[in-house]
C-alpha cells in the first residue's frame, strides 16, 4: 500500500472560546477496503506543547476531521488521475 501526504489545517481550541488553525502534514494510506488509515499528523512550523499533541491524538472528533480531510484528498486524487487518463486517451 502506498502512503500519501498532504498539507492541511485543523481548528483547535486554545482557550475559553478561542480557536486557532494548526497547520499539519498528514500522512495516510488507503486500505484494500477503501478506508483511510491515518499514519501521522505532524505540526508544521510551530512549537506546540506536548499536551496539545496528546489532545489531538485523544480527541475522536479531531481524528474524525483529519480522516475526513484525508478521504477528500483520496477522492481528489482519483478525480485527477481519471481526468489525466481521459486527456491521454483523447
N, C-alpha and C. Protein backbone atom coordinates (compact mmCIF):
# COMPACT_ATOMS: atom_id res chain seq x y z
N UNK A 1 0.84 -1.19 0.00
CA UNK A 1 0.00 0.00 0.00
C UNK A 1 0.88 1.24 0.00
N UNK A 2 0.49 2.20 -0.82
CA UNK A 2 1.24 3.45 -0.89
C UNK A 2 0.81 4.37 0.24
N UNK A 3 1.75 5.18 0.69
CA UNK A 3 1.44 6.23 1.65
C UNK A 3 1.25 7.53 0.89
N UNK A 4 0.34 8.34 1.34
CA UNK A 4 0.05 9.64 0.74
C UNK A 4 0.31 10.71 1.79
N UNK A 5 0.61 11.92 1.33
CA UNK A 5 0.83 13.03 2.26
C UNK A 5 0.26 14.30 1.65
N UNK A 6 -0.29 15.16 2.50
CA UNK A 6 -0.71 16.48 2.05
C UNK A 6 -0.78 17.43 3.23
N UNK A 7 -0.70 18.71 2.92
CA UNK A 7 -0.79 19.74 3.95
C UNK A 7 -2.24 20.11 4.17
N UNK A 8 -2.59 20.32 5.43
CA UNK A 8 -3.94 20.73 5.78
C UNK A 8 -3.87 21.52 7.08
N UNK A 9 -4.99 21.94 7.57
CA UNK A 9 -5.05 22.63 8.86
C UNK A 9 -6.34 22.25 9.55
N UNK A 10 -6.28 22.18 10.87
CA UNK A 10 -7.48 21.96 11.65
C UNK A 10 -7.60 23.10 12.65
N UNK A 11 -8.80 23.34 13.09
CA UNK A 11 -9.04 24.38 14.08
C UNK A 11 -9.05 23.72 15.46
N UNK A 12 -8.19 24.22 16.34
CA UNK A 12 -8.04 23.63 17.67
C UNK A 12 -8.35 24.69 18.71
N UNK A 13 -9.17 24.32 19.70
CA UNK A 13 -9.49 25.25 20.79
C UNK A 13 -8.25 25.47 21.64
N UNK A 14 -7.91 26.74 21.87
CA UNK A 14 -6.71 27.06 22.64
C UNK A 14 -7.03 27.78 23.94
N UNK A 15 -8.24 28.09 24.17
CA UNK A 15 -8.62 28.78 25.40
C UNK A 15 -10.12 28.79 25.53
N UNK A 16 -10.61 29.70 26.32
CA UNK A 16 -12.06 29.77 26.53
C UNK A 16 -12.71 30.38 25.30
N UNK A 17 -13.28 29.54 24.47
CA UNK A 17 -14.00 30.01 23.29
C UNK A 17 -13.12 30.40 22.12
N UNK A 18 -11.81 30.41 22.29
CA UNK A 18 -10.91 30.80 21.20
C UNK A 18 -10.40 29.55 20.49
N UNK A 19 -10.17 29.69 19.21
CA UNK A 19 -9.57 28.58 18.46
C UNK A 19 -8.54 29.14 17.50
N UNK A 20 -7.62 28.29 17.12
CA UNK A 20 -6.56 28.71 16.21
C UNK A 20 -6.32 27.60 15.19
N UNK A 21 -6.00 27.99 13.94
CA UNK A 21 -5.68 26.95 12.96
C UNK A 21 -4.31 26.34 13.26
N UNK A 22 -4.23 25.05 13.10
CA UNK A 22 -2.99 24.33 13.34
C UNK A 22 -2.59 23.65 12.04
N UNK A 23 -1.52 24.14 11.37
CA UNK A 23 -1.11 23.54 10.10
C UNK A 23 -0.46 22.17 10.32
N UNK A 24 -0.86 21.20 9.51
CA UNK A 24 -0.38 19.84 9.66
C UNK A 24 0.09 19.26 8.34
N UNK A 25 1.03 18.34 8.42
CA UNK A 25 1.37 17.48 7.29
C UNK A 25 0.80 16.12 7.65
N UNK A 26 -0.21 15.72 6.93
CA UNK A 26 -0.94 14.50 7.23
C UNK A 26 -0.48 13.39 6.30
N UNK A 27 -0.07 12.26 6.85
CA UNK A 27 0.27 11.10 6.03
C UNK A 27 -0.74 10.00 6.33
N UNK A 28 -1.16 9.32 5.29
CA UNK A 28 -2.17 8.28 5.45
C UNK A 28 -2.01 7.26 4.34
N UNK A 29 -2.70 6.15 4.47
CA UNK A 29 -2.76 5.17 3.40
C UNK A 29 -4.20 4.68 3.29
N UNK A 30 -4.51 4.17 2.11
CA UNK A 30 -5.85 3.66 1.84
C UNK A 30 -5.78 2.14 1.91
N UNK A 31 -6.64 1.54 2.72
CA UNK A 31 -6.65 0.09 2.86
C UNK A 31 -7.33 -0.54 1.65
N UNK A 32 -7.25 -1.83 1.53
CA UNK A 32 -7.87 -2.52 0.39
C UNK A 32 -9.38 -2.34 0.38
N UNK A 33 -9.97 -2.14 1.54
CA UNK A 33 -11.41 -1.91 1.61
C UNK A 33 -11.80 -0.48 1.30
N UNK A 34 -10.82 0.38 1.04
CA UNK A 34 -11.10 1.77 0.71
C UNK A 34 -11.14 2.70 1.91
N UNK A 35 -10.87 2.17 3.11
CA UNK A 35 -10.85 3.01 4.30
C UNK A 35 -9.53 3.77 4.38
N UNK A 36 -9.57 4.93 5.03
CA UNK A 36 -8.38 5.75 5.20
C UNK A 36 -7.79 5.46 6.57
N UNK A 37 -6.50 5.15 6.60
CA UNK A 37 -5.80 4.89 7.85
C UNK A 37 -4.75 5.99 8.04
N UNK A 38 -4.94 6.83 9.05
CA UNK A 38 -4.00 7.92 9.30
C UNK A 38 -2.74 7.34 9.94
N UNK A 39 -1.59 7.72 9.38
CA UNK A 39 -0.33 7.24 9.91
C UNK A 39 0.29 8.29 10.83
N UNK A 40 0.44 9.52 10.35
CA UNK A 40 1.00 10.58 11.18
C UNK A 40 0.31 11.90 10.87
N UNK A 41 0.35 12.79 11.84
CA UNK A 41 -0.12 14.16 11.66
C UNK A 41 0.94 15.04 12.32
N UNK A 42 1.83 15.60 11.50
CA UNK A 42 2.94 16.40 12.03
C UNK A 42 2.59 17.88 11.94
N UNK A 43 2.84 18.59 13.03
CA UNK A 43 2.59 20.03 13.06
C UNK A 43 3.71 20.72 12.29
N UNK A 44 3.33 21.66 11.43
CA UNK A 44 4.30 22.36 10.58
C UNK A 44 4.68 23.72 11.14
N UNK A 45 5.95 23.96 11.30
CA UNK A 45 6.49 25.28 11.56
C UNK A 45 6.07 25.98 12.83
N UNK A 46 5.59 25.25 13.81
CA UNK A 46 5.19 25.90 15.05
C UNK A 46 5.61 25.02 16.22
N UNK A 47 5.91 25.69 17.33
CA UNK A 47 6.19 24.95 18.55
C UNK A 47 4.87 24.73 19.28
N UNK A 48 4.50 23.50 19.40
CA UNK A 48 3.24 23.16 20.04
C UNK A 48 3.55 22.33 21.28
N UNK A 49 2.95 22.69 22.42
CA UNK A 49 3.21 21.90 23.62
C UNK A 49 2.72 20.46 23.48
N UNK A 50 3.39 19.56 24.15
CA UNK A 50 3.02 18.14 24.08
C UNK A 50 1.58 17.90 24.49
N UNK A 51 1.08 18.69 25.44
CA UNK A 51 -0.31 18.48 25.87
C UNK A 51 -1.27 18.71 24.71
N UNK A 52 -0.95 19.64 23.81
CA UNK A 52 -1.81 19.90 22.65
C UNK A 52 -1.77 18.71 21.69
N UNK A 53 -0.58 18.14 21.48
CA UNK A 53 -0.47 16.98 20.60
C UNK A 53 -1.22 15.79 21.19
N UNK A 54 -1.13 15.58 22.50
CA UNK A 54 -1.87 14.49 23.13
C UNK A 54 -3.37 14.73 23.00
N UNK A 55 -3.79 16.00 23.09
CA UNK A 55 -5.21 16.33 22.96
C UNK A 55 -5.72 15.94 21.58
N UNK A 56 -4.91 16.21 20.55
CA UNK A 56 -5.31 15.85 19.18
C UNK A 56 -5.41 14.33 19.06
N UNK A 57 -4.42 13.61 19.59
CA UNK A 57 -4.42 12.15 19.48
C UNK A 57 -5.60 11.52 20.20
N UNK A 58 -6.04 12.13 21.31
CA UNK A 58 -7.10 11.55 22.13
C UNK A 58 -8.48 12.10 21.82
N UNK A 59 -8.58 13.04 20.90
CA UNK A 59 -9.87 13.66 20.59
C UNK A 59 -10.46 12.99 19.35
N UNK A 60 -11.50 12.22 19.56
CA UNK A 60 -12.11 11.46 18.46
C UNK A 60 -12.65 12.38 17.37
N UNK A 61 -13.18 13.54 17.74
CA UNK A 61 -13.73 14.44 16.72
C UNK A 61 -12.62 15.03 15.85
N UNK A 62 -11.46 15.36 16.45
CA UNK A 62 -10.35 15.88 15.65
C UNK A 62 -9.78 14.79 14.74
N UNK A 63 -9.67 13.58 15.24
CA UNK A 63 -9.20 12.48 14.41
C UNK A 63 -10.20 12.23 13.28
N UNK A 64 -11.48 12.34 13.59
CA UNK A 64 -12.51 12.19 12.55
C UNK A 64 -12.39 13.26 11.49
N UNK A 65 -12.09 14.50 11.93
CA UNK A 65 -11.90 15.60 10.98
C UNK A 65 -10.70 15.33 10.07
N UNK A 66 -9.61 14.84 10.65
CA UNK A 66 -8.43 14.51 9.85
C UNK A 66 -8.74 13.38 8.87
N UNK A 67 -9.48 12.38 9.33
CA UNK A 67 -9.84 11.27 8.45
C UNK A 67 -10.71 11.77 7.29
N UNK A 68 -11.63 12.70 7.59
CA UNK A 68 -12.48 13.26 6.53
C UNK A 68 -11.65 14.03 5.51
N UNK A 69 -10.66 14.81 5.99
CA UNK A 69 -9.79 15.55 5.07
C UNK A 69 -8.99 14.59 4.20
N UNK A 70 -8.51 13.51 4.79
CA UNK A 70 -7.75 12.53 4.02
C UNK A 70 -8.64 11.84 2.99
N UNK A 71 -9.88 11.55 3.36
CA UNK A 71 -10.82 10.93 2.43
C UNK A 71 -11.10 11.86 1.25
N UNK A 72 -11.24 13.17 1.53
CA UNK A 72 -11.42 14.15 0.45
C UNK A 72 -10.21 14.15 -0.47
N UNK A 73 -9.01 14.07 0.11
CA UNK A 73 -7.79 14.06 -0.69
C UNK A 73 -7.74 12.83 -1.59
N UNK A 74 -8.18 11.69 -1.07
CA UNK A 74 -8.23 10.46 -1.87
C UNK A 74 -9.16 10.65 -3.06
N UNK A 75 -10.34 11.22 -2.80
CA UNK A 75 -11.31 11.45 -3.88
C UNK A 75 -10.74 12.42 -4.92
N UNK A 76 -10.08 13.49 -4.46
CA UNK A 76 -9.48 14.45 -5.39
C UNK A 76 -8.39 13.80 -6.23
N UNK A 77 -7.59 12.94 -5.59
CA UNK A 77 -6.51 12.25 -6.31
C UNK A 77 -7.09 11.32 -7.38
N UNK A 78 -8.15 10.61 -7.04
CA UNK A 78 -8.78 9.72 -8.03
C UNK A 78 -9.35 10.52 -9.20
N UNK A 79 -9.95 11.67 -8.91
CA UNK A 79 -10.51 12.52 -9.96
C UNK A 79 -9.39 13.04 -10.87
N UNK A 80 -8.27 13.47 -10.28
CA UNK A 80 -7.13 13.95 -11.07
C UNK A 80 -6.60 12.85 -11.99
N UNK A 81 -6.48 11.64 -11.44
CA UNK A 81 -5.98 10.53 -12.26
C UNK A 81 -6.95 10.18 -13.38
N UNK A 82 -8.25 10.23 -13.10
CA UNK A 82 -9.26 9.93 -14.11
C UNK A 82 -9.21 10.99 -15.22
N UNK A 83 -9.12 12.27 -14.84
CA UNK A 83 -9.05 13.34 -15.83
C UNK A 83 -7.79 13.22 -16.68
N UNK A 84 -6.68 12.85 -16.05
CA UNK A 84 -5.42 12.66 -16.78
C UNK A 84 -5.54 11.50 -17.77
N UNK A 85 -6.19 10.43 -17.36
CA UNK A 85 -6.38 9.28 -18.25
C UNK A 85 -7.25 9.67 -19.45
N UNK A 86 -8.31 10.46 -19.21
CA UNK A 86 -9.16 10.92 -20.32
C UNK A 86 -8.37 11.82 -21.26
N UNK A 87 -7.54 12.70 -20.70
CA UNK A 87 -6.74 13.61 -21.53
C UNK A 87 -5.74 12.83 -22.38
N UNK A 88 -5.14 11.80 -21.81
CA UNK A 88 -4.18 10.99 -22.56
C UNK A 88 -4.87 10.20 -23.66
N UNK A 89 -6.10 9.75 -23.38
CA UNK A 89 -6.84 8.96 -24.36
C UNK A 89 -7.34 9.80 -25.52
N UNK A 90 -7.51 11.10 -25.29
CA UNK A 90 -8.06 11.97 -26.34
C UNK A 90 -7.06 12.30 -27.42
